[in-house]
Every structure is written in C-alpha cells, then in structure tokens.
Amino acid sequence: NKMIKLMFEHCGTEPDLLDEGHRFKVCFWKPH
C-alpha cells in the first residue's frame, strides 16, 4: 500500500525487491 502503490503513482514503476540470501535489498529506480 505504500512502497509499491506510491512508486506506481509517482513514477509508473514498482520498486525492485531482491532476496539475495544473506541480505534483502529494496531498489527504487528514478525516471530514466
């Protein structure tokens, strides 16, 4: 409701949610 929804409304994209085993990463991409 916040990360995905707000990113889609603001940038038209979703954040990347990456399970890298030993760590968890959230990546917000800016407009290209």
PDB file of all heavy atoms in Angstrom:
ATOM      1  N   ASN A   1       0.789  -1.233   0.000  1.00  0.00           N
ATOM      2  CA  ASN A   1       0.000   0.000   0.000  1.00  0.00           C
ATOM      3  C   ASN A   1       0.818   1.278   0.000  1.00  0.00           C
ATOM      4  O   ASN A   1       0.278   2.347  -0.296  1.00  0.00           O
ATOM      5  CB  ASN A   1      -0.947   0.012   1.196  1.00  0.00           C
ATOM      6  CG  ASN A   1      -2.037  -1.030   1.077  1.00  0.00           C
ATOM      7  OD1 ASN A   1      -2.206  -1.635   0.024  1.00  0.00           O
ATOM      8  ND2 ASN A   1      -2.760  -1.263   2.152  1.00  0.00           N
ATOM      9  N   LYS A   2       2.106   1.174   0.359  1.00  0.00           N
ATOM     10  CA  LYS A   2       2.939   2.374   0.391  1.00  0.00           C
ATOM     11  C   LYS A   2       4.061   2.296  -0.642  1.00  0.00           C
ATOM     12  O   LYS A   2       4.101   3.085  -1.581  1.00  0.00           O
ATOM     13  CB  LYS A   2       3.494   2.591   1.802  1.00  0.00           C
ATOM     14  CG  LYS A   2       2.414   2.958   2.816  1.00  0.00           C
ATOM     15  CD  LYS A   2       2.997   3.229   4.194  1.00  0.00           C
ATOM     16  CE  LYS A   2       1.897   3.578   5.192  1.00  0.00           C
ATOM     17  NZ  LYS A   2       2.437   3.798   6.548  1.00  0.00           N
ATOM     18  N   MET A   3       4.937   1.326  -0.483  1.00  0.00           N
ATOM     19  CA  MET A   3       6.086   1.272  -1.380  1.00  0.00           C
ATOM     20  C   MET A   3       5.666   1.068  -2.836  1.00  0.00           C
ATOM     21  O   MET A   3       6.041   1.834  -3.726  1.00  0.00           O
ATOM     22  CB  MET A   3       7.054   0.180  -0.927  1.00  0.00           C
ATOM     23  CG  MET A   3       7.811   0.527   0.339  1.00  0.00           C
ATOM     24  SD  MET A   3       8.652  -0.896   1.077  1.00  0.00           S
ATOM     25  CE  MET A   3       9.560  -1.540  -0.313  1.00  0.00           C
ATOM     26  N   ILE A   4       4.892   0.026  -3.087  1.00  0.00           N
ATOM     27  CA  ILE A   4       4.521  -0.289  -4.466  1.00  0.00           C
ATOM     28  C   ILE A   4       3.516   0.710  -5.016  1.00  0.00           C
ATOM     29  O   ILE A   4       3.677   1.249  -6.120  1.00  0.00           O
ATOM     30  CB  ILE A   4       3.973  -1.723  -4.550  1.00  0.00           C
ATOM     31  CG1 ILE A   4       5.090  -2.728  -4.233  1.00  0.00           C
ATOM     32  CG2 ILE A   4       3.377  -2.000  -5.934  1.00  0.00           C
ATOM     33  CD1 ILE A   4       4.647  -4.169  -4.207  1.00  0.00           C
ATOM     34  N   LYS A   5       2.466   0.995  -4.256  1.00  0.00           N
ATOM     35  CA  LYS A   5       1.418   1.895  -4.734  1.00  0.00           C
ATOM     36  C   LYS A   5       1.949   3.304  -4.987  1.00  0.00           C
ATOM     37  O   LYS A   5       1.687   3.908  -6.035  1.00  0.00           O
ATOM     38  CB  LYS A   5       0.281   1.937  -3.725  1.00  0.00           C
ATOM     39  CG  LYS A   5      -0.883   2.825  -4.149  1.00  0.00           C
ATOM     40  CD  LYS A   5      -1.985   2.826  -3.093  1.00  0.00           C
ATOM     41  CE  LYS A   5      -3.135   3.740  -3.509  1.00  0.00           C
ATOM     42  NZ  LYS A   5      -4.202   3.766  -2.482  1.00  0.00           N
ATOM     43  N   LEU A   6       2.715   3.838  -4.036  1.00  0.00           N
ATOM     44  CA  LEU A   6       3.220   5.201  -4.189  1.00  0.00           C
ATOM     45  C   LEU A   6       4.218   5.306  -5.339  1.00  0.00           C
ATOM     46  O   LEU A   6       4.232   6.302  -6.061  1.00  0.00           O
ATOM     47  CB  LEU A   6       3.854   5.679  -2.880  1.00  0.00           C
ATOM     48  CG  LEU A   6       2.890   5.886  -1.708  1.00  0.00           C
ATOM     49  CD1 LEU A   6       3.648   6.257  -0.452  1.00  0.00           C
ATOM     50  CD2 LEU A   6       1.854   6.956  -2.044  1.00  0.00           C
ATOM     51  N   MET A   7       5.056   4.284  -5.508  1.00  0.00           N
ATOM     52  CA  MET A   7       6.004   4.304  -6.625  1.00  0.00           C
ATOM     53  C   MET A   7       5.275   4.262  -7.964  1.00  0.00           C
ATOM     54  O   MET A   7       5.644   4.966  -8.915  1.00  0.00           O
ATOM     55  CB  MET A   7       6.962   3.119  -6.512  1.00  0.00           C
ATOM     56  CG  MET A   7       8.234   3.418  -5.739  1.00  0.00           C
ATOM     57  SD  MET A   7       9.307   4.654  -6.525  1.00  0.00           S
ATOM     58  CE  MET A   7       9.952   3.717  -7.895  1.00  0.00           C
ATOM     59  N   PHE A   8       4.235   3.451  -8.048  1.00  0.00           N
ATOM     60  CA  PHE A   8       3.494   3.363  -9.311  1.00  0.00           C
ATOM     61  C   PHE A   8       2.796   4.686  -9.624  1.00  0.00           C
ATOM     62  O   PHE A   8       2.798   5.151 -10.771  1.00  0.00           O
ATOM     63  CB  PHE A   8       2.466   2.229  -9.247  1.00  0.00           C
ATOM     64  CG  PHE A   8       1.847   1.909 -10.568  1.00  0.00           C
ATOM     65  CD1 PHE A   8       2.524   1.137 -11.495  1.00  0.00           C
ATOM     66  CD2 PHE A   8       0.605   2.406 -10.898  1.00  0.00           C
ATOM     67  CE1 PHE A   8       1.974   0.846 -12.726  1.00  0.00           C
ATOM     68  CE2 PHE A   8       0.033   2.130 -12.133  1.00  0.00           C
ATOM     69  CZ  PHE A   8       0.720   1.349 -13.043  1.00  0.00           C
ATOM     70  N   GLU A   9       2.211   5.300  -8.601  1.00  0.00           N
ATOM     71  CA  GLU A   9       1.538   6.580  -8.818  1.00  0.00           C
ATOM     72  C   GLU A   9       2.524   7.691  -9.173  1.00  0.00           C
ATOM     73  O   GLU A   9       2.217   8.563  -9.985  1.00  0.00           O
ATOM     74  CB  GLU A   9       0.755   6.979  -7.562  1.00  0.00           C
ATOM     75  CG  GLU A   9      -0.438   6.090  -7.281  1.00  0.00           C
ATOM     76  CD  GLU A   9      -1.108   6.412  -5.956  1.00  0.00           C
ATOM     77  OE1 GLU A   9      -0.514   7.174  -5.153  1.00  0.00           O
ATOM     78  OE2 GLU A   9      -2.202   5.888  -5.705  1.00  0.00           O
ATOM     79  N   HIS A  10       3.711   7.649  -8.591  1.00  0.00           N
ATOM     80  CA  HIS A  10       4.690   8.731  -8.765  1.00  0.00           C
ATOM     81  C   HIS A  10       5.541   8.546 -10.022  1.00  0.00           C
ATOM     82  O   HIS A  10       5.816   9.501 -10.734  1.00  0.00           O
ATOM     83  CB  HIS A  10       5.598   8.774  -7.529  1.00  0.00           C
ATOM     84  CG  HIS A  10       6.393  10.032  -7.391  1.00  0.00           C
ATOM     85  ND1 HIS A  10       5.987  11.090  -6.620  1.00  0.00           N
ATOM     86  CD2 HIS A  10       7.577  10.402  -7.929  1.00  0.00           C
ATOM     87  CE1 HIS A  10       6.886  12.057  -6.681  1.00  0.00           C
ATOM     88  NE2 HIS A  10       7.868  11.663  -7.470  1.00  0.00           N
ATOM     89  N   CYS A  11       5.972   7.308 -10.265  1.00  0.00           N
ATOM     90  CA  CYS A  11       6.922   7.051 -11.346  1.00  0.00           C
ATOM     91  C   CYS A  11       6.413   6.078 -12.410  1.00  0.00           C
ATOM     92  O   CYS A  11       7.071   5.887 -13.430  1.00  0.00           O
ATOM     93  CB  CYS A  11       8.236   6.497 -10.782  1.00  0.00           C
ATOM     94  SG  CYS A  11       9.071   7.596  -9.645  1.00  0.00           S
ATOM     95  N   GLY A  12       5.282   5.426 -12.129  1.00  0.00           N
ATOM     96  CA  GLY A  12       4.778   4.452 -13.087  1.00  0.00           C
ATOM     97  C   GLY A  12       5.519   3.136 -13.066  1.00  0.00           C
ATOM     98  O   GLY A  12       5.387   2.319 -13.968  1.00  0.00           O
ATOM     99  N   THR A  13       6.322   2.897 -12.020  1.00  0.00           N
ATOM    100  CA  THR A  13       7.088   1.657 -11.892  1.00  0.00           C
ATOM    101  C   THR A  13       6.940   1.122 -10.472  1.00  0.00           C
ATOM    102  O   THR A  13       6.456   1.812  -9.576  1.00  0.00           O
ATOM    103  CB  THR A  13       8.577   1.879 -12.186  1.00  0.00           C
ATOM    104  OG1 THR A  13       9.105   2.841 -11.251  1.00  0.00           O
ATOM    105  CG2 THR A  13       8.791   2.394 -13.598  1.00  0.00           C
ATOM    106  N   GLU A  14       7.389  -0.110 -10.277  1.00  0.00           N
ATOM    107  CA  GLU A  14       7.430  -0.700  -8.945  1.00  0.00           C
ATOM    108  C   GLU A  14       8.876  -0.775  -8.469  1.00  0.00           C
ATOM    109  O   GLU A  14       9.797  -0.884  -9.281  1.00  0.00           O
ATOM    110  CB  GLU A  14       6.838  -2.111  -8.950  1.00  0.00           C
ATOM    111  CG  GLU A  14       5.345  -2.178  -9.183  1.00  0.00           C
ATOM    112  CD  GLU A  14       4.817  -3.593  -9.014  1.00  0.00           C
ATOM    113  OE1 GLU A  14       5.605  -4.482  -8.623  1.00  0.00           O
ATOM    114  OE2 GLU A  14       3.617  -3.804  -9.283  1.00  0.00           O
ATOM    115  N   PRO A  15       9.097  -0.749  -7.152  1.00  0.00           N
ATOM    116  CA  PRO A  15      10.465  -0.952  -6.653  1.00  0.00           C
ATOM    117  C   PRO A  15      10.899  -2.399  -6.841  1.00  0.00           C
ATOM    118  O   PRO A  15      10.060  -3.311  -6.875  1.00  0.00           O
ATOM    119  CB  PRO A  15      10.353  -0.596  -5.168  1.00  0.00           C
ATOM    120  CG  PRO A  15       8.919  -0.862  -4.833  1.00  0.00           C
ATOM    121  CD  PRO A  15       8.137  -0.524  -6.066  1.00  0.00           C
ATOM    122  N   ASP A  16      12.188  -2.612  -6.990  1.00  0.00           N
ATOM    123  CA  ASP A  16      12.723  -3.973  -7.038  1.00  0.00           C
ATOM    124  C   ASP A  16      12.877  -4.487  -5.609  1.00  0.00           C
ATOM    125  O   ASP A  16      13.488  -3.814  -4.764  1.00  0.00           O
ATOM    126  CB  ASP A  16      14.090  -3.997  -7.720  1.00  0.00           C
ATOM    127  CG  ASP A  16      13.991  -3.757  -9.221  1.00  0.00           C
ATOM    128  OD1 ASP A  16      12.878  -3.920  -9.770  1.00  0.00           O
ATOM    129  OD2 ASP A  16      15.006  -3.399  -9.832  1.00  0.00           O
ATOM    130  N   LEU A  17      12.349  -5.672  -5.331  1.00  0.00           N
ATOM    131  CA  LEU A  17      12.525  -6.341  -4.044  1.00  0.00           C
ATOM    132  C   LEU A  17      13.385  -7.561  -4.298  1.00  0.00           C
ATOM    133  O   LEU A  17      12.981  -8.475  -5.018  1.00  0.00           O
ATOM    134  CB  LEU A  17      11.168  -6.748  -3.456  1.00  0.00           C
ATOM    135  CG  LEU A  17      10.104  -5.649  -3.362  1.00  0.00           C
ATOM    136  CD1 LEU A  17       8.806  -6.209  -2.790  1.00  0.00           C
ATOM    137  CD2 LEU A  17      10.594  -4.481  -2.523  1.00  0.00           C
ATOM    138  N   LEU A  18      14.589  -7.593  -3.735  1.00  0.00           N
ATOM    139  CA  LEU A  18      15.583  -8.602  -4.092  1.00  0.00           C
ATOM    140  C   LEU A  18      16.035  -9.367  -2.855  1.00  0.00           C
ATOM    141  O   LEU A  18      16.640  -8.809  -1.935  1.00  0.00           O
ATOM    142  CB  LEU A  18      16.792  -7.935  -4.761  1.00  0.00           C
ATOM    143  CG  LEU A  18      16.479  -7.051  -5.976  1.00  0.00           C
ATOM    144  CD1 LEU A  18      17.708  -6.283  -6.407  1.00  0.00           C
ATOM    145  CD2 LEU A  18      15.937  -7.899  -7.116  1.00  0.00           C
ATOM    146  N   ASP A  19      15.734 -10.664  -2.844  1.00  0.00           N
ATOM    147  CA  ASP A  19      16.204 -11.554  -1.787  1.00  0.00           C
ATOM    148  C   ASP A  19      17.536 -12.141  -2.234  1.00  0.00           C
ATOM    149  O   ASP A  19      17.583 -13.005  -3.109  1.00  0.00           O
ATOM    150  CB  ASP A  19      15.176 -12.655  -1.539  1.00  0.00           C
ATOM    151  CG  ASP A  19      15.595 -13.613  -0.434  1.00  0.00           C
ATOM    152  OD1 ASP A  19      16.664 -13.391   0.183  1.00  0.00           O
ATOM    153  OD2 ASP A  19      14.866 -14.593  -0.183  1.00  0.00           O
ATOM    154  N   GLU A  20      18.627 -11.643  -1.652  1.00  0.00           N
ATOM    155  CA  GLU A  20      19.960 -12.074  -2.068  1.00  0.00           C
ATOM    156  C   GLU A  20      20.581 -13.076  -1.096  1.00  0.00           C
ATOM    157  O   GLU A  20      21.793 -13.240  -1.050  1.00  0.00           O
ATOM    158  CB  GLU A  20      20.863 -10.851  -2.233  1.00  0.00           C
ATOM    159  CG  GLU A  20      20.343  -9.894  -3.303  1.00  0.00           C
ATOM    160  CD  GLU A  20      21.226  -8.674  -3.513  1.00  0.00           C
ATOM    161  OE1 GLU A  20      22.051  -8.365  -2.625  1.00  0.00           O
ATOM    162  OE2 GLU A  20      21.089  -8.030  -4.557  1.00  0.00           O
ATOM    163  N   GLY A  21      19.737 -13.740  -0.327  1.00  0.00           N
ATOM    164  CA  GLY A  21      20.216 -14.791   0.574  1.00  0.00           C
ATOM    165  C   GLY A  21      20.728 -14.240   1.884  1.00  0.00           C
ATOM    166  O   GLY A  21      20.101 -14.386   2.926  1.00  0.00           O
ATOM    167  N   HIS A  22      21.880 -13.586   1.851  1.00  0.00           N
ATOM    168  CA  HIS A  22      22.479 -13.044   3.060  1.00  0.00           C
ATOM    169  C   HIS A  22      22.020 -11.622   3.362  1.00  0.00           C
ATOM    170  O   HIS A  22      22.392 -11.054   4.390  1.00  0.00           O
ATOM    171  CB  HIS A  22      24.000 -13.052   2.932  1.00  0.00           C
ATOM    172  CG  HIS A  22      24.517 -12.177   1.828  1.00  0.00           C
ATOM    173  ND1 HIS A  22      24.277 -12.439   0.486  1.00  0.00           N
ATOM    174  CD2 HIS A  22      25.236 -11.028   1.859  1.00  0.00           C
ATOM    175  CE1 HIS A  22      24.843 -11.499  -0.252  1.00  0.00           C
ATOM    176  NE2 HIS A  22      25.417 -10.635   0.548  1.00  0.00           N
ATOM    177  N   ARG A  23      21.203 -11.056   2.452  1.00  0.00           N
ATOM    178  CA  ARG A  23      20.691  -9.703   2.674  1.00  0.00           C
ATOM    179  C   ARG A  23      19.455  -9.492   1.799  1.00  0.00           C
ATOM    180  O   ARG A  23      19.232 -10.226   0.833  1.00  0.00           O
ATOM    181  CB  ARG A  23      21.756  -8.655   2.355  1.00  0.00           C
ATOM    182  CG  ARG A  23      22.189  -8.628   0.889  1.00  0.00           C
ATOM    183  CD  ARG A  23      23.265  -7.585   0.651  1.00  0.00           C
ATOM    184  NE  ARG A  23      23.468  -7.351  -0.773  1.00  0.00           N
ATOM    185  CZ  ARG A  23      24.248  -6.389  -1.258  1.00  0.00           C
ATOM    186  NH1 ARG A  23      24.899  -5.599  -0.436  1.00  0.00           N
ATOM    187  NH2 ARG A  23      24.368  -6.231  -2.567  1.00  0.00           N
ATOM    188  N   PHE A  24      18.677  -8.470   2.168  1.00  0.00           N
ATOM    189  CA  PHE A  24      17.474  -8.139   1.413  1.00  0.00           C
ATOM    190  C   PHE A  24      17.594  -6.693   0.935  1.00  0.00           C
ATOM    191  O   PHE A  24      17.915  -5.792   1.709  1.00  0.00           O
ATOM    192  CB  PHE A  24      16.227  -8.298   2.285  1.00  0.00           C
ATOM    193  CG  PHE A  24      14.957  -7.898   1.595  1.00  0.00           C
ATOM    194  CD1 PHE A  24      14.465  -8.654   0.541  1.00  0.00           C
ATOM    195  CD2 PHE A  24      14.262  -6.770   1.977  1.00  0.00           C
ATOM    196  CE1 PHE A  24      13.299  -8.282  -0.114  1.00  0.00           C
ATOM    197  CE2 PHE A  24      13.094  -6.392   1.342  1.00  0.00           C
ATOM    198  CZ  PHE A  24      12.609  -7.151   0.290  1.00  0.00           C
ATOM    199  N   LYS A  25      17.348  -6.490  -0.372  1.00  0.00           N
ATOM    200  CA  LYS A  25      17.547  -5.163  -0.963  1.00  0.00           C
ATOM    201  C   LYS A  25      16.244  -4.639  -1.569  1.00  0.00           C
ATOM    202  O   LYS A  25      15.519  -5.373  -2.236  1.00  0.00           O
ATOM    203  CB  LYS A  25      18.616  -5.226  -2.060  1.00  0.00           C
ATOM    204  CG  LYS A  25      18.890  -3.869  -2.726  1.00  0.00           C
ATOM    205  CD  LYS A  25      19.708  -4.027  -4.006  1.00  0.00           C
ATOM    206  CE  LYS A  25      21.100  -4.520  -3.740  1.00  0.00           C
ATOM    207  NZ  LYS A  25      21.909  -4.560  -4.996  1.00  0.00           N
ATOM    208  N   VAL A  26      15.985  -3.353  -1.314  1.00  0.00           N
ATOM    209  CA  VAL A  26      14.902  -2.645  -1.985  1.00  0.00           C
ATOM    210  C   VAL A  26      15.535  -1.563  -2.849  1.00  0.00           C
ATOM    211  O   VAL A  26      16.367  -0.784  -2.371  1.00  0.00           O
ATOM    212  CB  VAL A  26      13.927  -2.001  -0.979  1.00  0.00           C
ATOM    213  CG1 VAL A  26      12.806  -1.268  -1.726  1.00  0.00           C
ATOM    214  CG2 VAL A  26      13.337  -3.051  -0.055  1.00  0.00           C
ATOM    215  N   CYS A  27      15.159  -1.536  -4.112  1.00  0.00           N
ATOM    216  CA  CYS A  27      15.744  -0.576  -5.052  1.00  0.00           C
ATOM    217  C   CYS A  27      14.632   0.252  -5.697  1.00  0.00           C
ATOM    218  O   CYS A  27      13.723  -0.295  -6.323  1.00  0.00           O
ATOM    219  CB  CYS A  27      16.551  -1.319  -6.118  1.00  0.00           C
ATOM    220  SG  CYS A  27      17.360  -0.223  -7.307  1.00  0.00           S
ATOM    221  N   PHE A  28      14.719   1.561  -5.523  1.00  0.00           N
ATOM    222  CA  PHE A  28      13.779   2.493  -6.134  1.00  0.00           C
ATOM    223  C   PHE A  28      14.476   3.158  -7.329  1.00  0.00           C
ATOM    224  O   PHE A  28      15.456   3.890  -7.148  1.00  0.00           O
ATOM    225  CB  PHE A  28      13.358   3.580  -5.141  1.00  0.00           C
ATOM    226  CG  PHE A  28      12.628   3.063  -3.931  1.00  0.00           C
ATOM    227  CD1 PHE A  28      13.308   2.783  -2.760  1.00  0.00           C
ATOM    228  CD2 PHE A  28      11.254   2.859  -3.963  1.00  0.00           C
ATOM    229  CE1 PHE A  28      12.642   2.317  -1.635  1.00  0.00           C
ATOM    230  CE2 PHE A  28      10.571   2.398  -2.850  1.00  0.00           C
ATOM    231  CZ  PHE A  28      11.265   2.117  -1.690  1.00  0.00           C
ATOM    232  N   TRP A  29      13.961   2.910  -8.523  1.00  0.00           N
ATOM    233  CA  TRP A  29      14.562   3.470  -9.727  1.00  0.00           C
ATOM    234  C   TRP A  29      13.925   4.817 -10.054  1.00  0.00           C
ATOM    235  O   TRP A  29      12.708   4.953 -10.086  1.00  0.00           O
ATOM    236  CB  TRP A  29      14.395   2.529 -10.912  1.00  0.00           C
ATOM    237  CG  TRP A  29      15.205   1.278 -10.765  1.00  0.00           C
ATOM    238  CD1 TRP A  29      14.793   0.080 -10.280  1.00  0.00           C
ATOM    239  CD2 TRP A  29      16.593   1.124 -11.084  1.00  0.00           C
ATOM    240  NE1 TRP A  29      15.824  -0.831 -10.273  1.00  0.00           N
ATOM    241  CE2 TRP A  29      16.942  -0.216 -10.770  1.00  0.00           C
ATOM    242  CE3 TRP A  29      17.570   1.979 -11.603  1.00  0.00           C
ATOM    243  CZ2 TRP A  29      18.232  -0.717 -10.957  1.00  0.00           C
ATOM    244  CZ3 TRP A  29      18.848   1.478 -11.801  1.00  0.00           C
ATOM    245  CH2 TRP A  29      19.173   0.152 -11.482  1.00  0.00           C
ATOM    246  N   LYS A  30      14.780   5.796 -10.322  1.00  0.00           N
ATOM    247  CA  LYS A  30      14.298   7.114 -10.733  1.00  0.00           C
ATOM    248  C   LYS A  30      13.930   7.082 -12.216  1.00  0.00           C
ATOM    249  O   LYS A  30      14.328   6.153 -12.932  1.00  0.00           O
ATOM    250  CB  LYS A  30      15.387   8.167 -10.482  1.00  0.00           C
ATOM    251  CG  LYS A  30      15.830   8.263  -9.026  1.00  0.00           C
ATOM    252  CD  LYS A  30      16.996   9.230  -8.870  1.00  0.00           C
ATOM    253  CE  LYS A  30      17.524   9.232  -7.451  1.00  0.00           C
ATOM    254  NZ  LYS A  30      18.700  10.131  -7.293  1.00  0.00           N
ATOM    255  N   PRO A  31      13.186   8.080 -12.696  1.00  0.00           N
ATOM    256  CA  PRO A  31      12.900   8.145 -14.140  1.00  0.00           C
ATOM    257  C   PRO A  31      14.190   8.083 -14.942  1.00  0.00           C
ATOM    258  O   PRO A  31      15.200   8.701 -14.573  1.00  0.00           O
ATOM    259  CB  PRO A  31      12.194   9.493 -14.288  1.00  0.00           C
ATOM    260  CG  PRO A  31      11.564   9.728 -12.963  1.00  0.00           C
ATOM    261  CD  PRO A  31      12.523   9.168 -11.957  1.00  0.00           C
ATOM    262  N   HIS A  32      14.175   7.366 -16.059  1.00  0.00           N
ATOM    263  CA  HIS A  32      15.408   7.116 -16.816  1.00  0.00           C
ATOM    264  C   HIS A  32      16.019   8.392 -17.383  1.00  0.00           C
ATOM    265  O   HIS A  32      17.217   8.593 -17.349  1.00  0.00           O
ATOM    266  CB  HIS A  32      15.128   6.127 -17.962  1.00  0.00           C
ATOM    267  CG  HIS A  32      14.752   4.772 -17.471  1.00  0.00           C
ATOM    268  ND1 HIS A  32      15.624   3.971 -16.764  1.00  0.00           N
ATOM    269  CD2 HIS A  32      13.595   4.069 -17.562  1.00  0.00           C
ATOM    270  CE1 HIS A  32      15.022   2.838 -16.449  1.00  0.00           C
ATOM    271  NE2 HIS A  32      13.787   2.870 -16.917  1.00  0.00           N
TER     272      HIS A  32
END
